[in-house]
């Protein structure tokens, strides 16, 4: 399967999931996670219609950014970010998907030279191995994010457990949607919270049916590279 064919297949799956959901009026951005491929293949994904690219490590992000800076890519950093590395990377980032502490937000705010669109990471499934706020922790600390002038909290992010069933995914993603709406309706400064980053290769169609507006697809795109 060629890159063009695979991109077409994935975008068709996204459109079908969106049409089958209660949120068919929402846009859904497909983010290609290119951490496992080189810049040439990432370029080909872009040239076939996917303009949102993501990396999960600072060093790989910077390498890809430099190699592809001639393209109008919307760049996403999706991995956990150490505070000491913020200054190296943050001003090349359009969206950051793993804001998991107020201290990290403050460091980003300090180093950013433009508004960074951030997703607050939620550990809504309660897995000990995952980063992110619990719901109670987030609601307690949320107003403090409004004070950070270089950060916009555009939405929430979560990941379902790797072995979650469809029913469990529906429960997790459904709770995320309710929380996103609740926060959005609070009308807090710099916290529009209109977006949901959830759904990966194994569960993005379920996530879209539950209101995801950004899906991050890596493994499914890899079918291209192994053909």
N, C-alpha and C. Protein backbone atom coordinates (compact mmCIF):
# COMPACT_ATOMS: atom_id res chain seq x y z
N UNK A 1 0.85 -1.19 0.00
CA UNK A 1 0.00 0.00 0.00
C UNK A 1 0.88 1.25 0.00
N UNK A 2 0.62 2.18 -0.88
CA UNK A 2 1.41 3.40 -0.96
C UNK A 2 0.98 4.38 0.13
N UNK A 3 1.81 5.39 0.36
CA UNK A 3 1.46 6.41 1.33
C UNK A 3 0.15 7.09 0.94
N UNK A 4 0.03 7.41 -0.35
CA UNK A 4 -1.19 8.07 -0.82
C UNK A 4 -2.42 7.22 -0.53
N UNK A 5 -2.33 5.92 -0.79
CA UNK A 5 -3.46 5.02 -0.56
C UNK A 5 -3.79 4.91 0.93
N UNK A 6 -2.76 4.85 1.74
CA UNK A 6 -3.00 4.69 3.17
C UNK A 6 -3.56 5.95 3.81
N UNK A 7 -3.07 7.10 3.40
CA UNK A 7 -3.63 8.36 3.89
C UNK A 7 -5.10 8.45 3.51
N UNK A 8 -5.41 8.09 2.28
CA UNK A 8 -6.80 8.12 1.82
C UNK A 8 -7.67 7.20 2.66
N UNK A 9 -7.16 5.99 2.96
CA UNK A 9 -7.90 5.04 3.78
C UNK A 9 -8.18 5.57 5.17
N UNK A 10 -7.15 6.14 5.81
CA UNK A 10 -7.31 6.64 7.16
C UNK A 10 -8.28 7.83 7.20
N UNK A 11 -8.14 8.74 6.26
CA UNK A 11 -9.05 9.89 6.23
C UNK A 11 -10.48 9.45 5.96
N UNK A 12 -10.65 8.41 5.17
CA UNK A 12 -11.99 7.87 4.92
C UNK A 12 -12.57 7.26 6.19
N UNK A 13 -11.74 6.54 6.95
CA UNK A 13 -12.19 5.98 8.23
C UNK A 13 -12.61 7.09 9.21
N UNK A 14 -11.84 8.15 9.22
CA UNK A 14 -12.15 9.29 10.10
C UNK A 14 -13.49 9.90 9.71
N UNK A 15 -13.69 10.12 8.42
CA UNK A 15 -14.95 10.71 7.95
C UNK A 15 -16.14 9.82 8.29
N UNK A 16 -15.96 8.50 8.15
CA UNK A 16 -17.05 7.57 8.45
C UNK A 16 -17.38 7.58 9.95
N UNK A 17 -16.35 7.59 10.79
CA UNK A 17 -16.58 7.63 12.24
C UNK A 17 -17.25 8.92 12.66
N UNK A 18 -16.83 10.00 12.05
CA UNK A 18 -17.43 11.30 12.34
C UNK A 18 -18.91 11.32 11.94
N UNK A 19 -19.21 10.80 10.76
CA UNK A 19 -20.60 10.78 10.28
C UNK A 19 -21.49 9.93 11.17
N UNK A 20 -20.91 8.91 11.81
CA UNK A 20 -21.68 8.01 12.65
C UNK A 20 -21.81 8.49 14.09
N UNK A 21 -21.18 9.61 14.41
CA UNK A 21 -21.17 10.10 15.78
C UNK A 21 -22.25 11.15 16.01
N UNK A 22 -22.42 11.51 17.27
CA UNK A 22 -23.34 12.60 17.62
C UNK A 22 -22.68 13.96 17.46
N UNK A 23 -21.42 13.95 17.02
CA UNK A 23 -20.64 15.19 16.89
C UNK A 23 -20.20 15.39 15.45
N UNK A 24 -21.07 15.06 14.52
CA UNK A 24 -20.72 15.11 13.10
C UNK A 24 -20.45 16.52 12.60
N UNK A 25 -20.88 17.52 13.39
CA UNK A 25 -20.62 18.92 12.99
C UNK A 25 -19.24 19.39 13.42
N UNK A 26 -18.51 18.60 14.19
CA UNK A 26 -17.18 18.99 14.65
C UNK A 26 -16.12 18.62 13.62
N UNK A 27 -15.08 19.44 13.54
CA UNK A 27 -13.93 19.07 12.71
C UNK A 27 -13.05 18.09 13.48
N UNK A 28 -12.37 17.23 12.75
CA UNK A 28 -11.43 16.28 13.36
C UNK A 28 -10.10 16.41 12.63
N UNK A 29 -9.06 16.75 13.37
CA UNK A 29 -7.72 16.87 12.81
C UNK A 29 -6.96 15.57 13.01
N UNK A 30 -6.42 15.04 11.91
CA UNK A 30 -5.61 13.84 11.97
C UNK A 30 -4.15 14.25 12.13
N UNK A 31 -3.54 13.78 13.21
CA UNK A 31 -2.14 14.08 13.51
C UNK A 31 -1.32 12.83 13.25
N UNK A 32 -0.39 12.91 12.30
CA UNK A 32 0.47 11.77 11.97
C UNK A 32 1.67 11.76 12.91
N UNK A 33 1.79 10.70 13.68
CA UNK A 33 2.92 10.55 14.60
C UNK A 33 4.07 9.91 13.83
N UNK A 34 5.12 10.68 13.60
CA UNK A 34 6.18 10.26 12.67
C UNK A 34 7.46 9.85 13.40
N UNK A 35 7.37 9.51 14.67
CA UNK A 35 8.57 9.23 15.46
C UNK A 35 9.36 8.02 14.95
N UNK A 36 8.70 7.11 14.24
CA UNK A 36 9.36 5.88 13.81
C UNK A 36 9.89 5.93 12.38
N UNK A 37 9.75 7.09 11.72
CA UNK A 37 10.16 7.18 10.32
C UNK A 37 11.08 8.38 10.12
N UNK A 38 11.77 8.38 8.98
CA UNK A 38 12.67 9.49 8.72
C UNK A 38 11.92 10.67 8.12
N UNK A 39 12.65 11.77 7.93
CA UNK A 39 12.04 13.01 7.46
C UNK A 39 11.48 12.89 6.05
N UNK A 40 12.10 12.07 5.21
CA UNK A 40 11.61 11.91 3.84
C UNK A 40 10.22 11.28 3.80
N UNK A 41 10.01 10.28 4.63
CA UNK A 41 8.69 9.66 4.69
C UNK A 41 7.67 10.59 5.34
N UNK A 42 8.10 11.33 6.34
CA UNK A 42 7.21 12.33 6.95
C UNK A 42 6.79 13.37 5.91
N UNK A 43 7.73 13.77 5.08
CA UNK A 43 7.43 14.73 4.01
C UNK A 43 6.37 14.17 3.06
N UNK A 44 6.49 12.88 2.76
CA UNK A 44 5.54 12.27 1.83
C UNK A 44 4.13 12.21 2.44
N UNK A 45 4.06 11.97 3.74
CA UNK A 45 2.76 12.00 4.41
C UNK A 45 2.14 13.39 4.28
N UNK A 46 2.93 14.41 4.53
CA UNK A 46 2.45 15.79 4.39
C UNK A 46 1.97 16.06 2.97
N UNK A 47 2.75 15.66 2.01
CA UNK A 47 2.42 15.95 0.61
C UNK A 47 1.17 15.22 0.13
N UNK A 48 0.75 14.22 0.90
CA UNK A 48 -0.47 13.50 0.55
C UNK A 48 -1.67 13.89 1.41
N UNK A 49 -1.55 15.03 2.09
CA UNK A 49 -2.75 15.60 2.69
C UNK A 49 -2.83 15.65 4.20
N UNK A 50 -1.76 15.25 4.92
CA UNK A 50 -1.79 15.33 6.38
C UNK A 50 -0.80 16.40 6.81
N UNK A 51 -1.31 17.55 7.22
CA UNK A 51 -0.44 18.69 7.52
C UNK A 51 -0.07 18.79 9.00
N UNK A 52 -0.68 17.96 9.84
CA UNK A 52 -0.36 17.94 11.27
C UNK A 52 0.59 16.78 11.54
N UNK A 53 1.81 17.08 12.00
CA UNK A 53 2.79 16.04 12.32
C UNK A 53 3.18 16.13 13.79
N UNK A 54 3.50 14.98 14.37
CA UNK A 54 3.82 14.94 15.80
C UNK A 54 5.05 14.12 16.09
N UNK A 55 5.78 14.56 17.09
CA UNK A 55 6.91 13.82 17.65
C UNK A 55 6.74 13.77 19.16
N UNK A 56 7.35 12.75 19.79
CA UNK A 56 7.19 12.62 21.24
C UNK A 56 8.47 12.87 22.03
N UNK A 57 9.59 13.10 21.33
CA UNK A 57 10.85 13.37 22.03
C UNK A 57 11.47 14.65 21.48
N UNK A 58 12.06 15.43 22.38
CA UNK A 58 12.60 16.73 22.01
C UNK A 58 13.61 16.63 20.88
N UNK A 59 14.54 15.70 20.98
CA UNK A 59 15.61 15.61 19.99
C UNK A 59 15.05 15.26 18.60
N UNK A 60 14.14 14.30 18.56
CA UNK A 60 13.55 13.91 17.28
C UNK A 60 12.69 15.02 16.71
N UNK A 61 11.99 15.72 17.58
CA UNK A 61 11.19 16.85 17.13
C UNK A 61 12.06 17.88 16.43
N UNK A 62 13.16 18.24 17.07
CA UNK A 62 14.03 19.28 16.50
C UNK A 62 14.66 18.83 15.19
N UNK A 63 15.02 17.55 15.09
CA UNK A 63 15.58 17.03 13.83
C UNK A 63 14.56 17.14 12.69
N UNK A 64 13.34 16.71 12.95
CA UNK A 64 12.31 16.75 11.91
C UNK A 64 11.96 18.19 11.57
N UNK A 65 11.86 19.02 12.57
CA UNK A 65 11.52 20.42 12.33
C UNK A 65 12.53 21.06 11.40
N UNK A 66 13.79 20.82 11.64
CA UNK A 66 14.85 21.40 10.81
C UNK A 66 14.80 20.85 9.39
N UNK A 67 14.58 19.54 9.27
CA UNK A 67 14.59 18.91 7.95
C UNK A 67 13.38 19.30 7.10
N UNK A 68 12.29 19.69 7.75
CA UNK A 68 11.04 19.95 7.03
C UNK A 68 10.57 21.40 7.16
N UNK A 69 11.48 22.29 7.51
CA UNK A 69 11.06 23.66 7.78
C UNK A 69 10.61 24.42 6.53
N UNK A 70 10.80 23.84 5.35
CA UNK A 70 10.29 24.46 4.12
C UNK A 70 8.81 24.20 3.92
N UNK A 71 8.22 23.32 4.74
CA UNK A 71 6.81 22.97 4.61
C UNK A 71 5.97 23.70 5.66
N UNK A 72 4.72 23.94 5.34
CA UNK A 72 3.79 24.61 6.27
C UNK A 72 3.13 23.56 7.16
N UNK A 73 3.93 22.99 8.03
CA UNK A 73 3.46 21.94 8.93
C UNK A 73 2.95 22.55 10.22
N UNK A 74 1.86 21.98 10.74
CA UNK A 74 1.42 22.29 12.09
C UNK A 74 2.06 21.25 13.00
N UNK A 75 2.92 21.71 13.91
CA UNK A 75 3.75 20.80 14.70
C UNK A 75 3.14 20.53 16.07
N UNK A 76 3.12 19.25 16.42
CA UNK A 76 2.60 18.80 17.72
C UNK A 76 3.70 18.09 18.48
N UNK A 77 3.87 18.45 19.74
CA UNK A 77 4.75 17.70 20.64
C UNK A 77 3.83 16.92 21.57
N UNK A 78 3.94 15.60 21.55
CA UNK A 78 2.95 14.77 22.24
C UNK A 78 3.52 14.02 23.43
N UNK A 79 4.82 14.00 23.59
CA UNK A 79 5.41 13.25 24.70
C UNK A 79 5.58 14.11 25.94
N UNK A 80 5.81 13.45 27.06
CA UNK A 80 6.06 14.18 28.29
C UNK A 80 7.34 14.99 28.17
N UNK A 81 7.30 16.20 28.65
CA UNK A 81 8.38 17.17 28.46
C UNK A 81 9.00 17.54 29.80
N UNK A 82 10.31 17.32 29.92
CA UNK A 82 11.02 17.73 31.14
C UNK A 82 11.18 19.24 31.15
N UNK A 83 11.06 19.84 32.32
CA UNK A 83 11.11 21.31 32.41
C UNK A 83 12.45 21.85 31.90
N UNK A 84 13.53 21.09 32.10
CA UNK A 84 14.85 21.58 31.68
C UNK A 84 14.99 21.62 30.15
N UNK A 85 14.09 20.93 29.44
CA UNK A 85 14.17 20.91 27.98
C UNK A 85 13.19 21.86 27.30
N UNK A 86 12.37 22.52 28.10
CA UNK A 86 11.34 23.39 27.53
C UNK A 86 11.94 24.45 26.62
N UNK A 87 12.99 25.11 27.08
CA UNK A 87 13.56 26.23 26.31
C UNK A 87 14.13 25.79 24.97
N UNK A 88 14.51 24.49 24.85
CA UNK A 88 15.08 24.00 23.60
C UNK A 88 14.05 23.89 22.48
N UNK A 89 12.81 23.64 22.84
CA UNK A 89 11.85 23.18 21.84
C UNK A 89 10.56 23.99 21.74
N UNK A 90 10.18 24.66 22.82
CA UNK A 90 8.79 25.13 22.91
C UNK A 90 8.43 26.16 21.84
N UNK A 91 9.37 26.95 21.38
CA UNK A 91 9.03 27.99 20.40
C UNK A 91 8.89 27.48 18.97
N UNK A 92 9.08 26.17 18.79
CA UNK A 92 8.83 25.55 17.49
C UNK A 92 7.52 24.77 17.48
N UNK A 93 6.85 24.75 18.61
CA UNK A 93 5.66 23.92 18.81
C UNK A 93 4.40 24.75 18.58
N UNK A 94 3.44 24.16 17.87
CA UNK A 94 2.12 24.77 17.74
C UNK A 94 1.16 24.24 18.80
N UNK A 95 1.17 22.92 19.00
CA UNK A 95 0.31 22.29 20.01
C UNK A 95 1.17 21.38 20.89
N UNK A 96 0.93 21.47 22.20
CA UNK A 96 1.58 20.58 23.15
C UNK A 96 0.51 19.75 23.84
N UNK A 97 0.63 18.43 23.77
CA UNK A 97 -0.45 17.53 24.19
C UNK A 97 -0.27 16.91 25.57
N UNK A 98 0.75 17.27 26.30
CA UNK A 98 1.05 16.53 27.53
C UNK A 98 1.33 17.46 28.71
N UNK A 99 0.50 18.45 28.90
CA UNK A 99 0.67 19.37 30.02
C UNK A 99 0.17 18.68 31.28
N UNK A 100 1.10 18.25 32.13
CA UNK A 100 0.72 17.40 33.25
C UNK A 100 1.05 17.97 34.62
N UNK A 101 1.46 19.25 34.66
CA UNK A 101 1.69 19.88 35.96
C UNK A 101 1.67 21.40 35.80
N UNK A 102 1.34 22.08 36.87
CA UNK A 102 1.34 23.53 36.86
C UNK A 102 2.77 24.06 36.71
N UNK A 103 3.74 23.38 37.32
CA UNK A 103 5.13 23.83 37.21
C UNK A 103 5.62 23.78 35.77
N UNK A 104 5.23 22.74 35.04
CA UNK A 104 5.59 22.67 33.63
C UNK A 104 4.93 23.81 32.86
N UNK A 105 3.68 24.08 33.14
CA UNK A 105 2.97 25.18 32.48
C UNK A 105 3.66 26.51 32.75
N UNK A 106 4.11 26.71 33.96
CA UNK A 106 4.80 27.97 34.31
C UNK A 106 6.12 28.09 33.56
N UNK A 107 6.83 26.99 33.39
CA UNK A 107 8.09 27.02 32.65
C UNK A 107 7.84 27.30 31.16
N UNK A 108 6.80 26.69 30.61
CA UNK A 108 6.45 26.96 29.22
C UNK A 108 6.08 28.43 29.06
N UNK A 109 5.30 28.94 29.97
CA UNK A 109 4.89 30.35 29.92
C UNK A 109 6.09 31.28 29.96
N UNK A 110 7.07 30.92 30.76
CA UNK A 110 8.28 31.72 30.91
C UNK A 110 9.12 31.74 29.63
N UNK A 111 9.18 30.61 28.94
CA UNK A 111 10.08 30.47 27.78
C UNK A 111 9.41 30.79 26.45
N UNK A 112 8.09 30.75 26.39
CA UNK A 112 7.39 30.89 25.11
C UNK A 112 7.44 32.31 24.58
N UNK A 113 7.64 32.41 23.26
CA UNK A 113 7.65 33.70 22.58
C UNK A 113 6.39 33.89 21.75
N UNK A 114 5.52 32.90 21.74
CA UNK A 114 4.20 33.01 21.13
C UNK A 114 3.26 32.14 21.95
N UNK A 115 1.97 32.29 21.74
CA UNK A 115 1.00 31.50 22.48
C UNK A 115 1.12 30.03 22.11
N UNK A 116 1.28 29.19 23.12
CA UNK A 116 1.36 27.75 22.92
C UNK A 116 0.00 27.15 23.24
N UNK A 117 -0.56 26.46 22.27
CA UNK A 117 -1.85 25.81 22.47
C UNK A 117 -1.60 24.47 23.17
N UNK A 118 -2.17 24.33 24.34
CA UNK A 118 -1.87 23.17 25.18
C UNK A 118 -3.12 22.35 25.47
N UNK A 119 -2.90 21.03 25.54
CA UNK A 119 -3.90 20.11 26.05
C UNK A 119 -3.45 19.67 27.44
N UNK A 120 -4.33 19.79 28.41
CA UNK A 120 -4.03 19.26 29.75
C UNK A 120 -4.22 17.75 29.73
N UNK A 121 -3.21 17.03 30.22
CA UNK A 121 -3.25 15.57 30.22
C UNK A 121 -4.00 15.05 31.43
N UNK A 122 -5.00 14.21 31.18
CA UNK A 122 -5.80 13.60 32.24
C UNK A 122 -5.51 12.12 32.32
N UNK A 123 -5.31 11.64 33.52
CA UNK A 123 -5.21 10.19 33.76
C UNK A 123 -6.58 9.74 34.25
N UNK A 124 -7.54 9.77 33.35
CA UNK A 124 -8.92 9.52 33.75
C UNK A 124 -9.18 8.04 34.03
N UNK A 125 -8.31 7.17 33.51
CA UNK A 125 -8.48 5.74 33.75
C UNK A 125 -7.86 5.30 35.07
N UNK A 126 -7.04 6.17 35.68
CA UNK A 126 -6.45 5.86 36.97
C UNK A 126 -5.27 4.91 36.93
N UNK A 127 -4.66 4.73 35.77
CA UNK A 127 -3.51 3.83 35.67
C UNK A 127 -2.29 4.43 36.37
N UNK A 128 -1.62 3.64 37.19
CA UNK A 128 -0.46 4.14 37.92
C UNK A 128 0.70 4.48 37.00
N UNK A 129 0.78 3.82 35.87
CA UNK A 129 1.91 4.03 34.96
C UNK A 129 1.75 5.28 34.09
N UNK A 130 0.59 5.92 34.14
CA UNK A 130 0.35 7.05 33.26
C UNK A 130 0.56 8.38 33.97
N UNK A 131 1.01 9.37 33.19
CA UNK A 131 1.12 10.74 33.68
C UNK A 131 -0.25 11.40 33.62
N UNK A 132 -0.34 12.58 34.20
CA UNK A 132 -1.56 13.36 34.06
C UNK A 132 -2.28 13.60 35.37
N UNK A 133 -3.17 14.60 35.34
CA UNK A 133 -3.98 14.96 36.50
C UNK A 133 -5.13 13.97 36.67
N UNK A 134 -5.54 13.78 37.93
CA UNK A 134 -6.85 13.20 38.17
C UNK A 134 -7.87 14.31 37.97
N UNK A 135 -9.13 13.95 37.83
CA UNK A 135 -10.17 14.96 37.62
C UNK A 135 -10.23 15.91 38.81
N UNK A 136 -10.17 15.38 40.01
CA UNK A 136 -10.25 16.23 41.21
C UNK A 136 -9.07 17.18 41.29
N UNK A 137 -7.87 16.69 41.00
CA UNK A 137 -6.68 17.54 41.01
C UNK A 137 -6.83 18.68 40.01
N UNK A 138 -7.30 18.36 38.83
CA UNK A 138 -7.41 19.38 37.79
C UNK A 138 -8.42 20.45 38.17
N UNK A 139 -9.57 20.06 38.66
CA UNK A 139 -10.60 21.05 38.97
C UNK A 139 -10.16 21.98 40.09
N UNK A 140 -9.32 21.48 40.97
CA UNK A 140 -8.83 22.31 42.07
C UNK A 140 -7.82 23.35 41.59
N UNK A 141 -6.99 22.97 40.63
CA UNK A 141 -5.88 23.82 40.21
C UNK A 141 -6.18 24.61 38.94
N UNK A 142 -7.23 24.27 38.24
CA UNK A 142 -7.52 24.80 36.92
C UNK A 142 -7.46 26.33 36.81
N UNK A 143 -8.07 27.10 37.73
CA UNK A 143 -8.05 28.56 37.57
C UNK A 143 -6.64 29.16 37.50
N UNK A 144 -5.65 28.47 38.06
CA UNK A 144 -4.29 29.00 38.05
C UNK A 144 -3.70 29.05 36.64
N UNK A 145 -4.20 28.21 35.74
CA UNK A 145 -3.71 28.25 34.36
C UNK A 145 -4.14 29.54 33.65
N UNK A 146 -5.20 30.16 34.13
CA UNK A 146 -5.69 31.39 33.51
C UNK A 146 -4.70 32.54 33.65
N UNK A 147 -3.78 32.43 34.59
CA UNK A 147 -2.84 33.51 34.86
C UNK A 147 -1.62 33.47 33.94
N UNK A 148 -1.52 32.46 33.11
CA UNK A 148 -0.33 32.27 32.26
C UNK A 148 -0.61 32.82 30.87
N UNK A 149 -0.03 33.97 30.57
CA UNK A 149 -0.42 34.71 29.37
C UNK A 149 0.09 34.11 28.07
N UNK A 150 1.08 33.23 28.11
CA UNK A 150 1.61 32.64 26.89
C UNK A 150 1.09 31.23 26.63
N UNK A 151 0.08 30.82 27.39
CA UNK A 151 -0.51 29.50 27.24
C UNK A 151 -2.01 29.63 27.04
N UNK A 152 -2.51 28.85 26.09
CA UNK A 152 -3.95 28.73 25.90
C UNK A 152 -4.33 27.26 26.08
N UNK A 153 -5.19 26.99 27.02
CA UNK A 153 -5.64 25.61 27.25
C UNK A 153 -6.78 25.33 26.26
N UNK A 154 -6.41 24.74 25.13
CA UNK A 154 -7.40 24.52 24.08
C UNK A 154 -8.26 23.30 24.35
N UNK A 155 -7.78 22.39 25.21
CA UNK A 155 -8.57 21.20 25.46
C UNK A 155 -7.90 20.22 26.40
N UNK A 156 -8.40 19.00 26.39
CA UNK A 156 -7.94 17.94 27.27
C UNK A 156 -7.40 16.78 26.43
N UNK A 157 -6.49 16.01 27.01
CA UNK A 157 -5.93 14.84 26.34
C UNK A 157 -5.94 13.66 27.29
N UNK A 158 -6.25 12.49 26.75
CA UNK A 158 -6.08 11.25 27.51
C UNK A 158 -5.79 10.11 26.57
N UNK A 159 -5.33 8.99 27.15
CA UNK A 159 -5.11 7.76 26.41
C UNK A 159 -5.81 6.63 27.14
N UNK A 160 -6.55 5.82 26.41
CA UNK A 160 -7.16 4.64 27.01
C UNK A 160 -6.08 3.58 27.24
N UNK A 161 -6.28 2.71 28.22
CA UNK A 161 -5.33 1.61 28.41
C UNK A 161 -5.16 0.80 27.12
N UNK A 162 -3.97 0.27 26.93
CA UNK A 162 -3.65 -0.44 25.69
C UNK A 162 -4.60 -1.61 25.45
N UNK A 163 -5.01 -2.27 26.53
CA UNK A 163 -5.85 -3.46 26.39
C UNK A 163 -7.32 -3.17 26.67
N UNK A 164 -7.72 -1.91 26.62
CA UNK A 164 -9.11 -1.56 26.91
C UNK A 164 -10.05 -2.12 25.86
N UNK A 165 -11.20 -2.61 26.30
CA UNK A 165 -12.22 -3.08 25.38
C UNK A 165 -12.94 -1.88 24.77
N UNK A 166 -13.76 -2.15 23.77
CA UNK A 166 -14.53 -1.06 23.16
C UNK A 166 -15.44 -0.40 24.18
N UNK A 167 -16.05 -1.19 25.04
CA UNK A 167 -16.92 -0.65 26.08
C UNK A 167 -16.15 0.25 27.04
N UNK A 168 -14.95 -0.20 27.42
CA UNK A 168 -14.12 0.60 28.33
C UNK A 168 -13.67 1.89 27.66
N UNK A 169 -13.32 1.82 26.37
CA UNK A 169 -12.94 3.04 25.64
C UNK A 169 -14.10 4.01 25.58
N UNK A 170 -15.29 3.50 25.29
CA UNK A 170 -16.47 4.37 25.25
C UNK A 170 -16.69 5.07 26.58
N UNK A 171 -16.48 4.34 27.68
CA UNK A 171 -16.66 4.93 29.00
C UNK A 171 -15.63 6.03 29.26
N UNK A 172 -14.36 5.74 28.97
CA UNK A 172 -13.29 6.71 29.21
C UNK A 172 -13.46 7.95 28.33
N UNK A 173 -13.69 7.73 27.05
CA UNK A 173 -13.82 8.86 26.13
C UNK A 173 -15.09 9.65 26.39
N UNK A 174 -16.16 8.95 26.78
CA UNK A 174 -17.40 9.64 27.11
C UNK A 174 -17.25 10.54 28.32
N UNK A 175 -16.54 10.06 29.34
CA UNK A 175 -16.29 10.90 30.52
C UNK A 175 -15.42 12.10 30.19
N UNK A 176 -14.46 11.90 29.29
CA UNK A 176 -13.62 13.03 28.87
C UNK A 176 -14.45 14.10 28.17
N UNK A 177 -15.37 13.68 27.32
CA UNK A 177 -16.21 14.65 26.62
C UNK A 177 -17.05 15.46 27.61
N UNK A 178 -17.63 14.81 28.58
CA UNK A 178 -18.43 15.53 29.58
C UNK A 178 -17.59 16.53 30.35
N UNK A 179 -16.37 16.13 30.70
CA UNK A 179 -15.48 17.02 31.45
C UNK A 179 -15.06 18.20 30.58
N UNK A 180 -14.75 17.94 29.31
CA UNK A 180 -14.37 19.03 28.40
C UNK A 180 -15.49 20.07 28.28
N UNK A 181 -16.71 19.62 28.14
CA UNK A 181 -17.86 20.54 28.05
C UNK A 181 -18.02 21.31 29.35
N UNK A 182 -17.89 20.62 30.47
CA UNK A 182 -18.02 21.27 31.77
C UNK A 182 -17.01 22.40 31.94
N UNK A 183 -15.75 22.13 31.58
CA UNK A 183 -14.71 23.15 31.72
C UNK A 183 -14.94 24.29 30.73
N UNK A 184 -15.31 23.96 29.52
CA UNK A 184 -15.58 25.00 28.52
C UNK A 184 -16.66 25.96 28.99
N UNK A 185 -17.68 25.42 29.63
CA UNK A 185 -18.81 26.25 30.08
C UNK A 185 -18.47 27.09 31.30
N UNK A 186 -17.29 26.89 31.90
CA UNK A 186 -16.86 27.73 33.01
C UNK A 186 -16.38 29.09 32.53
N UNK A 187 -16.07 29.20 31.23
CA UNK A 187 -15.66 30.47 30.61
C UNK A 187 -14.47 31.11 31.33
N UNK A 188 -13.46 30.31 31.63
CA UNK A 188 -12.27 30.82 32.28
C UNK A 188 -11.35 31.47 31.25
N UNK A 189 -10.68 32.53 31.66
CA UNK A 189 -9.74 33.22 30.78
C UNK A 189 -8.63 32.28 30.34
N UNK A 190 -8.33 32.30 29.04
CA UNK A 190 -7.27 31.50 28.41
C UNK A 190 -7.52 30.00 28.49
N UNK A 191 -8.76 29.61 28.82
CA UNK A 191 -9.08 28.18 28.89
C UNK A 191 -10.37 27.93 28.11
N UNK A 192 -10.32 28.06 26.78
CA UNK A 192 -11.54 27.79 26.02
C UNK A 192 -11.96 26.32 26.10
N UNK A 193 -10.98 25.42 26.13
CA UNK A 193 -11.22 23.98 26.31
C UNK A 193 -12.32 23.46 25.37
N UNK A 194 -12.16 23.73 24.11
CA UNK A 194 -13.13 23.27 23.11
C UNK A 194 -12.69 22.00 22.39
N UNK A 195 -11.47 21.54 22.65
CA UNK A 195 -10.90 20.42 21.88
C UNK A 195 -10.67 19.20 22.76
N UNK A 196 -10.61 18.05 22.12
CA UNK A 196 -10.30 16.80 22.80
C UNK A 196 -9.27 16.02 21.98
N UNK A 197 -8.11 15.80 22.56
CA UNK A 197 -7.06 14.98 21.94
C UNK A 197 -7.14 13.59 22.56
N UNK A 198 -7.76 12.68 21.84
CA UNK A 198 -7.88 11.30 22.34
C UNK A 198 -8.15 10.40 21.15
N UNK A 199 -7.63 9.18 21.26
CA UNK A 199 -7.75 8.24 20.16
C UNK A 199 -6.43 8.08 19.43
N UNK A 200 -5.99 6.83 19.34
CA UNK A 200 -4.76 6.49 18.63
C UNK A 200 -5.10 5.42 17.60
N UNK A 201 -4.09 4.80 17.03
CA UNK A 201 -4.35 3.86 15.93
C UNK A 201 -5.38 2.80 16.29
N UNK A 202 -5.32 2.29 17.51
CA UNK A 202 -6.19 1.16 17.87
C UNK A 202 -7.61 1.59 18.22
N UNK A 203 -7.83 2.88 18.52
CA UNK A 203 -9.15 3.27 19.04
C UNK A 203 -9.64 4.63 18.55
N UNK A 204 -9.03 5.16 17.46
CA UNK A 204 -9.40 6.52 17.07
C UNK A 204 -10.84 6.64 16.58
N UNK A 205 -11.36 5.57 15.99
CA UNK A 205 -12.75 5.64 15.52
C UNK A 205 -13.72 5.69 16.70
N UNK A 206 -13.43 4.98 17.76
CA UNK A 206 -14.26 5.05 18.97
C UNK A 206 -14.16 6.45 19.58
N UNK A 207 -12.95 6.99 19.60
CA UNK A 207 -12.74 8.33 20.17
C UNK A 207 -13.53 9.38 19.40
N UNK A 208 -13.50 9.30 18.08
CA UNK A 208 -14.23 10.28 17.26
C UNK A 208 -15.72 10.20 17.54
N UNK A 209 -16.25 9.00 17.70
CA UNK A 209 -17.68 8.85 17.99
C UNK A 209 -18.03 9.45 19.35
N UNK A 210 -17.03 9.63 20.22
CA UNK A 210 -17.25 10.23 21.53
C UNK A 210 -16.82 11.69 21.59
N UNK A 211 -16.52 12.30 20.45
CA UNK A 211 -16.27 13.73 20.43
C UNK A 211 -14.83 14.17 20.29
N UNK A 212 -13.90 13.26 19.98
CA UNK A 212 -12.50 13.67 19.77
C UNK A 212 -12.41 14.63 18.60
N UNK A 213 -11.56 15.65 18.74
CA UNK A 213 -11.32 16.59 17.65
C UNK A 213 -9.90 16.50 17.12
N UNK A 214 -9.01 15.83 17.85
CA UNK A 214 -7.66 15.54 17.39
C UNK A 214 -7.39 14.06 17.66
N UNK A 215 -6.99 13.32 16.63
CA UNK A 215 -6.59 11.92 16.81
C UNK A 215 -5.15 11.77 16.35
N UNK A 216 -4.39 10.99 17.10
CA UNK A 216 -2.95 10.87 16.87
C UNK A 216 -2.66 9.46 16.38
N UNK A 217 -2.29 9.36 15.12
CA UNK A 217 -2.18 8.04 14.48
C UNK A 217 -0.73 7.79 14.07
N UNK A 218 -0.15 6.75 14.65
CA UNK A 218 1.22 6.38 14.32
C UNK A 218 1.29 4.99 13.74
N UNK A 219 0.90 3.98 14.54
CA UNK A 219 1.01 2.58 14.12
C UNK A 219 0.23 2.33 12.83
N UNK A 220 -0.94 2.91 12.71
CA UNK A 220 -1.74 2.67 11.51
C UNK A 220 -1.07 3.24 10.27
N UNK A 221 -0.37 4.37 10.42
CA UNK A 221 0.39 4.89 9.31
C UNK A 221 1.58 4.02 8.97
N UNK A 222 2.08 3.27 9.93
CA UNK A 222 3.26 2.44 9.70
C UNK A 222 3.01 1.34 8.67
N UNK A 223 1.74 1.02 8.45
CA UNK A 223 1.42 0.03 7.42
C UNK A 223 1.96 0.49 6.07
N UNK A 224 2.06 1.81 5.90
CA UNK A 224 2.63 2.38 4.69
C UNK A 224 4.08 1.94 4.55
N UNK A 225 4.81 2.13 5.64
CA UNK A 225 6.27 2.01 5.56
C UNK A 225 6.73 0.56 5.49
N UNK A 226 5.85 -0.37 5.92
CA UNK A 226 6.23 -1.77 5.91
C UNK A 226 5.79 -2.47 4.63
N UNK A 227 5.13 -1.75 3.74
CA UNK A 227 4.63 -2.39 2.53
C UNK A 227 5.74 -2.51 1.48
